[in-house]
Amino acid sequence: MKRSELKNIIKELVEASYVDSSSTEIGKTKIDPQTGVKSTLKSIDPETGKFSWDVEYDVDPKFLYDKLDQLVDYLRKAPKDSELAQYRDILKNLKNRTARVINQSK
């Protein structure tokens, strides 16, 4: 890796981690669409600029269903009498139960 490439990577990481405290609002909530993690800005220390967050790890049933579906699909390649096929059946059952939870919440 060239030195200039490394500098660009470091620059991108620093820019991505910078938060403008003048434009942030206490109590503002963000939910990550990929993971379902919910973070709320709790306070900003006026002296140091330190942010305090409340973080909730809510489970998104749709996200869980999609991941289970990917696993079940991948394990379809496993031989019928193998241990992986048993895992596939267990995951398929869990996927179906998750689908019922999603349908009940609608």
PDB file of N, CA and C in Angstrom:
ATOM      1  N   MET A   1       0.847  -1.178   0.000  1.00  0.00           N
ATOM      2  CA  MET A   1       0.000   0.000   0.000  1.00  0.00           C
ATOM      3  C   MET A   1       0.890   1.237   0.000  1.00  0.00           C
ATOM      4  N   LYS A   2       0.545   2.161  -0.832  1.00  0.00           N
ATOM      5  CA  LYS A   2       1.316   3.391  -0.935  1.00  0.00           C
ATOM      6  C   LYS A   2       0.987   4.322   0.222  1.00  0.00           C
ATOM      7  N   ARG A   3       1.929   5.183   0.511  1.00  0.00           N
ATOM      8  CA  ARG A   3       1.760   6.130   1.607  1.00  0.00           C
ATOM      9  C   ARG A   3       0.573   7.062   1.366  1.00  0.00           C
ATOM     10  N   SER A   4       0.370   7.485   0.120  1.00  0.00           N
ATOM     11  CA  SER A   4      -0.735   8.396  -0.203  1.00  0.00           C
ATOM     12  C   SER A   4      -2.087   7.705   0.003  1.00  0.00           C
ATOM     13  N   GLU A   5      -2.145   6.410  -0.307  1.00  0.00           N
ATOM     14  CA  GLU A   5      -3.395   5.668  -0.083  1.00  0.00           C
ATOM     15  C   GLU A   5      -3.702   5.583   1.402  1.00  0.00           C
ATOM     16  N   LEU A   6      -2.671   5.340   2.200  1.00  0.00           N
ATOM     17  CA  LEU A   6      -2.844   5.268   3.653  1.00  0.00           C
ATOM     18  C   LEU A   6      -3.316   6.602   4.213  1.00  0.00           C
ATOM     19  N   LYS A   7      -2.730   7.698   3.706  1.00  0.00           N
ATOM     20  CA  LYS A   7      -3.155   9.036   4.148  1.00  0.00           C
ATOM     21  C   LYS A   7      -4.630   9.275   3.814  1.00  0.00           C
ATOM     22  N   ASN A   8      -5.061   8.855   2.630  1.00  0.00           N
ATOM     23  CA  ASN A   8      -6.459   9.036   2.233  1.00  0.00           C
ATOM     24  C   ASN A   8      -7.397   8.233   3.124  1.00  0.00           C
ATOM     25  N   ILE A   9      -7.000   7.020   3.464  1.00  0.00           N
ATOM     26  CA  ILE A   9      -7.826   6.189   4.350  1.00  0.00           C
ATOM     27  C   ILE A   9      -7.959   6.841   5.718  1.00  0.00           C
ATOM     28  N   ILE A  10      -6.845   7.303   6.259  1.00  0.00           N
ATOM     29  CA  ILE A  10      -6.873   7.964   7.574  1.00  0.00           C
ATOM     30  C   ILE A  10      -7.720   9.230   7.518  1.00  0.00           C
ATOM     31  N   LYS A  11      -7.586   9.997   6.456  1.00  0.00           N
ATOM     32  CA  LYS A  11      -8.374  11.227   6.299  1.00  0.00           C
ATOM     33  C   LYS A  11      -9.874  10.911   6.272  1.00  0.00           C
ATOM     34  N   GLU A  12     -10.262   9.864   5.529  1.00  0.00           N
ATOM     35  CA  GLU A  12     -11.672   9.469   5.457  1.00  0.00           C
ATOM     36  C   GLU A  12     -12.192   9.038   6.814  1.00  0.00           C
ATOM     37  N   LEU A  13     -11.386   8.299   7.568  1.00  0.00           N
ATOM     38  CA  LEU A  13     -11.808   7.854   8.896  1.00  0.00           C
ATOM     39  C   LEU A  13     -11.995   9.029   9.849  1.00  0.00           C
ATOM     40  N   VAL A  14     -11.095   9.977   9.793  1.00  0.00           N
ATOM     41  CA  VAL A  14     -11.191  11.155  10.662  1.00  0.00           C
ATOM     42  C   VAL A  14     -12.420  11.972  10.297  1.00  0.00           C
ATOM     43  N   GLU A  15     -12.654  12.191   9.000  1.00  0.00           N
ATOM     44  CA  GLU A  15     -13.823  12.956   8.568  1.00  0.00           C
ATOM     45  C   GLU A  15     -15.116  12.248   8.921  1.00  0.00           C
ATOM     46  N   ALA A  16     -15.137  10.943   8.846  1.00  0.00           N
ATOM     47  CA  ALA A  16     -16.345  10.180   9.165  1.00  0.00           C
ATOM     48  C   ALA A  16     -16.653  10.223  10.652  1.00  0.00           C
ATOM     49  N   SER A  17     -15.624  10.363  11.489  1.00  0.00           N
ATOM     50  CA  SER A  17     -15.844  10.349  12.936  1.00  0.00           C
ATOM     51  C   SER A  17     -16.124  11.743  13.502  1.00  0.00           C
ATOM     52  N   TYR A  18     -15.946  12.799  12.708  1.00  0.00           N
ATOM     53  CA  TYR A  18     -16.177  14.160  13.178  1.00  0.00           C
ATOM     54  C   TYR A  18     -17.670  14.454  13.248  1.00  0.00           C
ATOM     55  N   VAL A  19     -18.100  15.013  14.376  1.00  0.00           N
ATOM     56  CA  VAL A  19     -19.494  15.404  14.563  1.00  0.00           C
ATOM     57  C   VAL A  19     -19.520  16.883  14.915  1.00  0.00           C
ATOM     58  N   ASP A  20     -20.275  17.673  14.166  1.00  0.00           N
ATOM     59  CA  ASP A  20     -20.416  19.096  14.432  1.00  0.00           C
ATOM     60  C   ASP A  20     -21.400  19.281  15.579  1.00  0.00           C
ATOM     61  N   SER A  21     -20.892  19.672  16.751  1.00  0.00           N
ATOM     62  CA  SER A  21     -21.748  19.778  17.937  1.00  0.00           C
ATOM     63  C   SER A  21     -22.739  20.935  17.850  1.00  0.00           C
ATOM     64  N   SER A  22     -22.499  21.912  16.982  1.00  0.00           N
ATOM     65  CA  SER A  22     -23.429  23.041  16.868  1.00  0.00           C
ATOM     66  C   SER A  22     -24.721  22.631  16.155  1.00  0.00           C
ATOM     67  N   SER A  23     -24.658  21.570  15.349  1.00  0.00           N
ATOM     68  CA  SER A  23     -25.850  21.162  14.601  1.00  0.00           C
ATOM     69  C   SER A  23     -26.556  19.956  15.226  1.00  0.00           C
ATOM     70  N   THR A  24     -26.056  19.486  16.358  1.00  0.00           N
ATOM     71  CA  THR A  24     -26.684  18.327  16.997  1.00  0.00           C
ATOM     72  C   THR A  24     -27.671  18.787  18.050  1.00  0.00           C
ATOM     73  N   GLU A  25     -28.733  18.014  18.211  1.00  0.00           N
ATOM     74  CA  GLU A  25     -29.781  18.354  19.161  1.00  0.00           C
ATOM     75  C   GLU A  25     -29.873  17.273  20.223  1.00  0.00           C
ATOM     76  N   ILE A  26     -29.935  17.683  21.470  1.00  0.00           N
ATOM     77  CA  ILE A  26     -30.118  16.732  22.565  1.00  0.00           C
ATOM     78  C   ILE A  26     -31.515  16.142  22.432  1.00  0.00           C
ATOM     79  N   GLY A  27     -31.589  14.829  22.581  1.00  0.00           N
ATOM     80  CA  GLY A  27     -32.859  14.124  22.446  1.00  0.00           C
ATOM     81  C   GLY A  27     -33.105  13.586  21.045  1.00  0.00           C
ATOM     82  N   LYS A  28     -32.241  13.931  20.101  1.00  0.00           N
ATOM     83  CA  LYS A  28     -32.393  13.451  18.725  1.00  0.00           C
ATOM     84  C   LYS A  28     -32.049  11.961  18.670  1.00  0.00           C
ATOM     85  N   THR A  29     -32.904  11.207  17.999  1.00  0.00           N
ATOM     86  CA  THR A  29     -32.749   9.756  17.927  1.00  0.00           C
ATOM     87  C   THR A  29     -32.468   9.330  16.500  1.00  0.00           C
ATOM     88  N   LYS A  30     -31.530   8.393  16.366  1.00  0.00           N
ATOM     89  CA  LYS A  30     -31.224   7.786  15.074  1.00  0.00           C
ATOM     90  C   LYS A  30     -31.344   6.278  15.214  1.00  0.00           C
ATOM     91  N   ILE A  31     -31.898   5.641  14.190  1.00  0.00           N
ATOM     92  CA  ILE A  31     -32.008   4.188  14.156  1.00  0.00           C
ATOM     93  C   ILE A  31     -31.256   3.688  12.939  1.00  0.00           C
ATOM     94  N   ASP A  32     -30.291   2.806  13.170  1.00  0.00           N
ATOM     95  CA  ASP A  32     -29.515   2.233  12.071  1.00  0.00           C
ATOM     96  C   ASP A  32     -30.403   1.242  11.325  1.00  0.00           C
ATOM     97  N   PRO A  33     -30.657   1.464  10.036  1.00  0.00           N
ATOM     98  CA  PRO A  33     -31.561   0.584   9.293  1.00  0.00           C
ATOM     99  C   PRO A  33     -31.027  -0.837   9.110  1.00  0.00           C
ATOM    100  N   GLN A  34     -29.725  -1.006   9.195  1.00  0.00           N
ATOM    101  CA  GLN A  34     -29.146  -2.339   9.022  1.00  0.00           C
ATOM    102  C   GLN A  34     -29.250  -3.185  10.274  1.00  0.00           C
ATOM    103  N   THR A  35     -29.038  -2.570  11.429  1.00  0.00           N
ATOM    104  CA  THR A  35     -28.960  -3.354  12.668  1.00  0.00           C
ATOM    105  C   THR A  35     -30.133  -3.125  13.613  1.00  0.00           C
ATOM    106  N   GLY A  36     -30.846  -2.024  13.446  1.00  0.00           N
ATOM    107  CA  GLY A  36     -31.941  -1.723  14.358  1.00  0.00           C
ATOM    108  C   GLY A  36     -31.469  -1.059  15.641  1.00  0.00           C
ATOM    109  N   VAL A  37     -30.184  -0.723  15.746  1.00  0.00           N
ATOM    110  CA  VAL A  37     -29.660  -0.072  16.942  1.00  0.00           C
ATOM    111  C   VAL A  37     -30.182   1.358  16.989  1.00  0.00           C
ATOM    112  N   LYS A  38     -30.758   1.708  18.140  1.00  0.00           N
ATOM    113  CA  LYS A  38     -31.365   3.022  18.324  1.00  0.00           C
ATOM    114  C   LYS A  38     -30.479   3.823  19.276  1.00  0.00           C
ATOM    115  N   SER A  39     -29.995   4.985  18.832  1.00  0.00           N
ATOM    116  CA  SER A  39     -29.152   5.820  19.681  1.00  0.00           C
ATOM    117  C   SER A  39     -29.783   7.201  19.823  1.00  0.00           C
ATOM    118  N   THR A  40     -29.801   7.681  21.058  1.00  0.00           N
ATOM    119  CA  THR A  40     -30.375   8.983  21.382  1.00  0.00           C
ATOM    120  C   THR A  40     -29.308   9.820  22.076  1.00  0.00           C
ATOM    121  N   LEU A  41     -29.091  11.033  21.591  1.00  0.00           N
ATOM    122  CA  LEU A  41     -28.124  11.932  22.214  1.00  0.00           C
ATOM    123  C   LEU A  41     -28.691  12.406  23.546  1.00  0.00           C
ATOM    124  N   LYS A  42     -27.999  12.056  24.608  1.00  0.00           N
ATOM    125  CA  LYS A  42     -28.465  12.347  25.968  1.00  0.00           C
ATOM    126  C   LYS A  42     -27.992  13.720  26.446  1.00  0.00           C
ATOM    127  N   SER A  43     -26.695  14.011  26.243  1.00  0.00           N
ATOM    128  CA  SER A  43     -26.162  15.302  26.685  1.00  0.00           C
ATOM    129  C   SER A  43     -24.838  15.596  25.989  1.00  0.00           C
ATOM    130  N   ILE A  44     -24.465  16.882  26.037  1.00  0.00           N
ATOM    131  CA  ILE A  44     -23.167  17.322  25.531  1.00  0.00           C
ATOM    132  C   ILE A  44     -22.512  18.121  26.650  1.00  0.00           C
ATOM    133  N   ASP A  45     -21.326  17.714  27.042  1.00  0.00           N
ATOM    134  CA  ASP A  45     -20.589  18.427  28.074  1.00  0.00           C
ATOM    135  C   ASP A  45     -20.077  19.732  27.474  1.00  0.00           C
ATOM    136  N   PRO A  46     -20.502  20.893  28.000  1.00  0.00           N
ATOM    137  CA  PRO A  46     -20.106  22.170  27.406  1.00  0.00           C
ATOM    138  C   PRO A  46     -18.603  22.456  27.539  1.00  0.00           C
ATOM    139  N   GLU A  47     -17.979  21.858  28.534  1.00  0.00           N
ATOM    140  CA  GLU A  47     -16.560  22.118  28.757  1.00  0.00           C
ATOM    141  C   GLU A  47     -15.669  21.301  27.820  1.00  0.00           C
ATOM    142  N   THR A  48     -16.001  20.027  27.653  1.00  0.00           N
ATOM    143  CA  THR A  48     -15.140  19.135  26.863  1.00  0.00           C
ATOM    144  C   THR A  48     -15.712  18.794  25.497  1.00  0.00           C
ATOM    145  N   GLY A  49     -17.022  19.010  25.316  1.00  0.00           N
ATOM    146  CA  GLY A  49     -17.663  18.631  24.059  1.00  0.00           C
ATOM    147  C   GLY A  49     -17.985  17.147  23.981  1.00  0.00           C
ATOM    148  N   LYS A  50     -17.868  16.458  25.111  1.00  0.00           N
ATOM    149  CA  LYS A  50     -18.129  15.018  25.151  1.00  0.00           C
ATOM    150  C   LYS A  50     -19.629  14.752  24.978  1.00  0.00           C
ATOM    151  N   PHE A  51     -19.942  13.775  24.100  1.00  0.00           N
ATOM    152  CA  PHE A  51     -21.322  13.360  23.864  1.00  0.00           C
ATOM    153  C   PHE A  51     -21.655  12.165  24.752  1.00  0.00           C
ATOM    154  N   SER A  52     -22.845  12.162  25.315  1.00  0.00           N
ATOM    155  CA  SER A  52     -23.345  11.002  26.052  1.00  0.00           C
ATOM    156  C   SER A  52     -24.570  10.483  25.313  1.00  0.00           C
ATOM    157  N   TRP A  53     -24.614   9.160  25.124  1.00  0.00           N
ATOM    158  CA  TRP A  53     -25.669   8.547  24.326  1.00  0.00           C
ATOM    159  C   TRP A  53     -26.421   7.494  25.134  1.00  0.00           C
ATOM    160  N   ASP A  54     -27.704   7.358  24.858  1.00  0.00           N
ATOM    161  CA  ASP A  54     -28.485   6.209  25.287  1.00  0.00           C
ATOM    162  C   ASP A  54     -28.593   5.308  24.070  1.00  0.00           C
ATOM    163  N   VAL A  55     -28.195   4.060  24.222  1.00  0.00           N
ATOM    164  CA  VAL A  55     -28.200   3.133  23.096  1.00  0.00           C
ATOM    165  C   VAL A  55     -29.095   1.942  23.444  1.00  0.00           C
ATOM    166  N   GLU A  56     -30.027   1.640  22.546  1.00  0.00           N
ATOM    167  CA  GLU A  56     -30.921   0.497  22.711  1.00  0.00           C
ATOM    168  C   GLU A  56     -30.698  -0.461  21.550  1.00  0.00           C
ATOM    169  N   TYR A  57     -30.575  -1.714  21.889  1.00  0.00           N
ATOM    170  CA  TYR A  57     -30.354  -2.731  20.873  1.00  0.00           C
ATOM    171  C   TYR A  57     -31.662  -3.481  20.636  1.00  0.00           C
ATOM    172  N   ASP A  58     -32.592  -2.837  19.954  1.00  0.00           N
ATOM    173  CA  ASP A  58     -33.866  -3.461  19.628  1.00  0.00           C
ATOM    174  C   ASP A  58     -33.661  -4.436  18.472  1.00  0.00           C
ATOM    175  N   VAL A  59     -34.386  -5.520  18.544  1.00  0.00           N
ATOM    176  CA  VAL A  59     -34.306  -6.508  17.470  1.00  0.00           C
ATOM    177  C   VAL A  59     -35.355  -6.161  16.423  1.00  0.00           C
ATOM    178  N   ASP A  60     -34.913  -6.044  15.210  1.00  0.00           N
ATOM    179  CA  ASP A  60     -35.818  -5.796  14.097  1.00  0.00           C
ATOM    180  C   ASP A  60     -36.205  -7.153  13.511  1.00  0.00           C
ATOM    181  N   PRO A  61     -37.453  -7.580  13.680  1.00  0.00           N
ATOM    182  CA  PRO A  61     -37.856  -8.906  13.197  1.00  0.00           C
ATOM    183  C   PRO A  61     -37.633  -9.093  11.695  1.00  0.00           C
ATOM    184  N   LYS A  62     -37.830  -8.057  10.899  1.00  0.00           N
ATOM    185  CA  LYS A  62     -37.621  -8.163   9.451  1.00  0.00           C
ATOM    186  C   LYS A  62     -36.148  -8.410   9.125  1.00  0.00           C
ATOM    187  N   PHE A  63     -35.253  -7.711   9.823  1.00  0.00           N
ATOM    188  CA  PHE A  63     -33.820  -7.905   9.639  1.00  0.00           C
ATOM    189  C   PHE A  63     -33.438  -9.341  10.009  1.00  0.00           C
ATOM    190  N   LEU A  64     -33.967  -9.822  11.137  1.00  0.00           N
ATOM    191  CA  LEU A  64     -33.698 -11.189  11.575  1.00  0.00           C
ATOM    192  C   LEU A  64     -34.221 -12.199  10.558  1.00  0.00           C
ATOM    193  N   TYR A  65     -35.429 -11.967  10.053  1.00  0.00           N
ATOM    194  CA  TYR A  65     -36.013 -12.861   9.046  1.00  0.00           C
ATOM    195  C   TYR A  65     -35.129 -12.934   7.800  1.00  0.00           C
ATOM    196  N   ASP A  66     -34.663 -11.787   7.334  1.00  0.00           N
ATOM    197  CA  ASP A  66     -33.814 -11.753   6.132  1.00  0.00           C
ATOM    198  C   ASP A  66     -32.522 -12.536   6.337  1.00  0.00           C
ATOM    199  N   LYS A  67     -31.903 -12.400   7.506  1.00  0.00           N
ATOM    200  CA  LYS A  67     -30.656 -13.120   7.787  1.00  0.00           C
ATOM    201  C   LYS A  67     -30.916 -14.622   7.891  1.00  0.00           C
ATOM    202  N   LEU A  68     -32.020 -15.001   8.536  1.00  0.00           N
ATOM    203  CA  LEU A  68     -32.359 -16.424   8.623  1.00  0.00           C
ATOM    204  C   LEU A  68     -32.638 -16.998   7.238  1.00  0.00           C
ATOM    205  N   ASP A  69     -33.308 -16.220   6.406  1.00  0.00           N
ATOM    206  CA  ASP A  69     -33.599 -16.654   5.040  1.00  0.00           C
ATOM    207  C   ASP A  69     -32.312 -16.901   4.259  1.00  0.00           C
ATOM    208  N   GLN A  70     -31.336 -16.019   4.442  1.00  0.00           N
ATOM    209  CA  GLN A  70     -30.049 -16.199   3.770  1.00  0.00           C
ATOM    210  C   GLN A  70     -29.355 -17.478   4.241  1.00  0.00           C
ATOM    211  N   LEU A  71     -29.406 -17.728   5.546  1.00  0.00           N
ATOM    212  CA  LEU A  71     -28.780 -18.941   6.083  1.00  0.00           C
ATOM    213  C   LEU A  71     -29.462 -20.205   5.572  1.00  0.00           C
ATOM    214  N   VAL A  72     -30.786 -20.207   5.603  1.00  0.00           N
ATOM    215  CA  VAL A  72     -31.534 -21.367   5.129  1.00  0.00           C
ATOM    216  C   VAL A  72     -31.238 -21.608   3.652  1.00  0.00           C
ATOM    217  N   ASP A  73     -31.212 -20.553   2.891  1.00  0.00           N
ATOM    218  CA  ASP A  73     -30.916 -20.679   1.463  1.00  0.00           C
ATOM    219  C   ASP A  73     -29.512 -21.247   1.238  1.00  0.00           C
ATOM    220  N   TYR A  74     -28.562 -20.772   2.012  1.00  0.00           N
ATOM    221  CA  TYR A  74     -27.191 -21.269   1.887  1.00  0.00           C
ATOM    222  C   TYR A  74     -27.095 -22.751   2.264  1.00  0.00           C
ATOM    223  N   LEU A  75     -27.809 -23.145   3.309  1.00  0.00           N
ATOM    224  CA  LEU A  75     -27.736 -24.529   3.791  1.00  0.00           C
ATOM    225  C   LEU A  75     -28.552 -25.502   2.944  1.00  0.00           C
ATOM    226  N   ARG A  76     -29.268 -25.025   1.946  1.00  0.00           N
ATOM    227  CA  ARG A  76     -29.988 -25.929   1.041  1.00  0.00           C
ATOM    228  C   ARG A  76     -29.027 -26.840   0.284  1.00  0.00           C
ATOM    229  N   LYS A  77     -27.781 -26.421   0.187  1.00  0.00           N
ATOM    230  CA  LYS A  77     -26.763 -27.193  -0.522  1.00  0.00           C
ATOM    231  C   LYS A  77     -26.244 -28.372   0.310  1.00  0.00           C
ATOM    232  N   ALA A  78     -26.564 -28.394   1.601  1.00  0.00           N
ATOM    233  CA  ALA A  78     -26.053 -29.450   2.490  1.00  0.00           C
ATOM    234  C   ALA A  78     -26.703 -30.797   2.160  1.00  0.00           C
ATOM    235  N   PRO A  79     -25.953 -31.886   2.276  1.00  0.00           N
ATOM    236  CA  PRO A  79     -26.520 -33.220   2.059  1.00  0.00           C
ATOM    237  C   PRO A  79     -27.667 -33.499   3.033  1.00  0.00           C
ATOM    238  N   LYS A  80     -28.662 -34.276   2.576  1.00  0.00           N
ATOM    239  CA  LYS A  80     -29.892 -34.479   3.352  1.00  0.00           C
ATOM    240  C   LYS A  80     -29.667 -35.041   4.754  1.00  0.00           C
ATOM    241  N   ASP A  81     -28.802 -36.003   4.900  1.00  0.00           N
ATOM    242  CA  ASP A  81     -28.642 -36.674   6.193  1.00  0.00           C
ATOM    243  C   ASP A  81     -27.517 -36.082   7.035  1.00  0.00           C
ATOM    244  N   SER A  82     -27.024 -34.937   6.685  1.00  0.00           N
ATOM    245  CA  SER A  82     -25.907 -34.348   7.417  1.00  0.00           C
ATOM    246  C   SER A  82     -26.394 -33.517   8.610  1.00  0.00           C
ATOM    247  N   GLU A  83     -25.441 -33.184   9.456  1.00  0.00           N
ATOM    248  CA  GLU A  83     -25.741 -32.338  10.606  1.00  0.00           C
ATOM    249  C   GLU A  83     -26.148 -30.938  10.150  1.00  0.00           C
ATOM    250  N   LEU A  84     -25.553 -30.468   9.063  1.00  0.00           N
ATOM    251  CA  LEU A  84     -25.919 -29.155   8.526  1.00  0.00           C
ATOM    252  C   LEU A  84     -27.375 -29.123   8.065  1.00  0.00           C
ATOM    253  N   ALA A  85     -27.879 -30.242   7.558  1.00  0.00           N
ATOM    254  CA  ALA A  85     -29.282 -30.309   7.150  1.00  0.00           C
ATOM    255  C   ALA A  85     -30.193 -30.183   8.371  1.00  0.00           C
ATOM    256  N   GLN A  86     -29.749 -30.728   9.491  1.00  0.00           N
ATOM    257  CA  GLN A  86     -30.531 -30.589  10.730  1.00  0.00           C
ATOM    258  C   GLN A  86     -30.568 -29.123  11.165  1.00  0.00           C
ATOM    259  N   TYR A  87     -29.422 -28.450  11.061  1.00  0.00           N
ATOM    260  CA  TYR A  87     -29.388 -27.017  11.386  1.00  0.00           C
ATOM    261  C   TYR A  87     -30.289 -26.229  10.448  1.00  0.00           C
ATOM    262  N   ARG A  88     -30.275 -26.601   9.178  1.00  0.00           N
ATOM    263  CA  ARG A  88     -31.130 -25.937   8.198  1.00  0.00           C
ATOM    264  C   ARG A  88     -32.597 -26.052   8.606  1.00  0.00           C
ATOM    265  N   ASP A  89     -33.019 -27.244   9.030  1.00  0.00           N
ATOM    266  CA  ASP A  89     -34.411 -27.438   9.442  1.00  0.00           C
ATOM    267  C   ASP A  89     -34.755 -26.603  10.673  1.00  0.00           C
ATOM    268  N   ILE A  90     -33.832 -26.533  11.608  1.00  0.00           N
ATOM    269  CA  ILE A  90     -34.053 -25.715  12.817  1.00  0.00           C
ATOM    270  C   ILE A  90     -34.168 -24.243  12.438  1.00  0.00           C
ATOM    271  N   LEU A  91     -33.269 -23.779  11.584  1.00  0.00           N
ATOM    272  CA  LEU A  91     -33.298 -22.375  11.159  1.00  0.00           C
ATOM    273  C   LEU A  91     -34.543 -22.066  10.332  1.00  0.00           C
ATOM    274  N   LYS A  92     -34.972 -23.016   9.531  1.00  0.00           N
ATOM    275  CA  LYS A  92     -36.189 -22.822   8.734  1.00  0.00           C
ATOM    276  C   LYS A  92     -37.405 -22.671   9.650  1.00  0.00           C
ATOM    277  N   ASN A  93     -37.455 -23.474  10.702  1.00  0.00           N
ATOM    278  CA  ASN A  93     -38.535 -23.376  11.680  1.00  0.00           C
ATOM    279  C   ASN A  93     -38.500 -21.998  12.357  1.00  0.00           C
ATOM    280  N   LEU A  94     -37.312 -21.569  12.756  1.00  0.00           N
ATOM    281  CA  LEU A  94     -37.169 -20.259  13.392  1.00  0.00           C
ATOM    282  C   LEU A  94     -37.555 -19.134  12.431  1.00  0.00           C
ATOM    283  N   LYS A  95     -37.193 -19.273  11.170  1.00  0.00           N
ATOM    284  CA  LYS A  95     -37.552 -18.279  10.149  1.00  0.00           C
ATOM    285  C   LYS A  95     -39.074 -18.182  10.027  1.00  0.00           C
ATOM    286  N   ASN A  96     -39.748 -19.333  10.005  1.00  0.00           N
ATOM    287  CA  ASN A  96     -41.213 -19.341   9.901  1.00  0.00           C
ATOM    288  C   ASN A  96     -41.858 -18.705  11.127  1.00  0.00           C
ATOM    289  N   ARG A  97     -41.309 -18.963  12.303  1.00  0.00           N
ATOM    290  CA  ARG A  97     -41.836 -18.337  13.525  1.00  0.00           C
ATOM    291  C   ARG A  97     -41.630 -16.824  13.494  1.00  0.00           C
ATOM    292  N   THR A  98     -40.493 -16.399  12.970  1.00  0.00           N
ATOM    293  CA  THR A  98     -40.219 -14.964  12.854  1.00  0.00           C
ATOM    294  C   THR A  98     -41.198 -14.316  11.876  1.00  0.00           C
ATOM    295  N   ALA A  99     -41.538 -15.024  10.806  1.00  0.00           N
ATOM    296  CA  ALA A  99     -42.514 -14.501   9.841  1.00  0.00           C
ATOM    297  C   ALA A  99     -43.864 -14.304  10.515  1.00  0.00           C
ATOM    298  N   ARG A 100     -44.233 -15.221  11.400  1.00  0.00           N
ATOM    299  CA  ARG A 100     -45.512 -15.065  12.122  1.00  0.00           C
ATOM    300  C   ARG A 100     -45.491 -13.832  13.033  1.00  0.00           C
ATOM    301  N   VAL A 101     -44.357 -13.583  13.690  1.00  0.00           N
ATOM    302  CA  VAL A 101     -44.237 -12.397  14.537  1.00  0.00           C
ATOM    303  C   VAL A 101     -44.381 -11.124  13.704  1.00  0.00           C
ATOM    304  N   ILE A 102     -43.771 -11.119  12.526  1.00  0.00           N
ATOM    305  CA  ILE A 102     -43.872  -9.945  11.640  1.00  0.00           C
ATOM    306  C   ILE A 102     -45.323  -9.739  11.199  1.00  0.00           C
ATOM    307  N   ASN A 103     -46.004 -10.818  10.837  1.00  0.00           N
ATOM    308  CA  ASN A 103     -47.388 -10.707  10.378  1.00  0.00           C
ATOM    309  C   ASN A 103     -48.332 -10.299  11.502  1.00  0.00           C
ATOM    310  N   GLN A 104     -48.043 -10.703  12.728  1.00  0.00           N
ATOM    311  CA  GLN A 104     -48.894 -10.317  13.868  1.00  0.00           C
ATOM    312  C   GLN A 104     -48.748  -8.848  14.216  1.00  0.00           C
ATOM    313  N   SER A 105     -47.545  -8.307  13.976  1.00  0.00           N
ATOM    314  CA  SER A 105     -47.306  -6.906  14.344  1.00  0.00           C
ATOM    315  C   SER A 105     -47.871  -5.922  13.326  1.00  0.00           C
ATOM    316  N   LYS A 106     -48.353  -6.415  12.191  1.00  0.00           N
ATOM    317  CA  LYS A 106     -48.917  -5.528  11.158  1.00  0.00           C
ATOM    318  C   LYS A 106     -50.328  -5.162  11.463  1.00  0.00           C
TER     319      LYS A 106
END
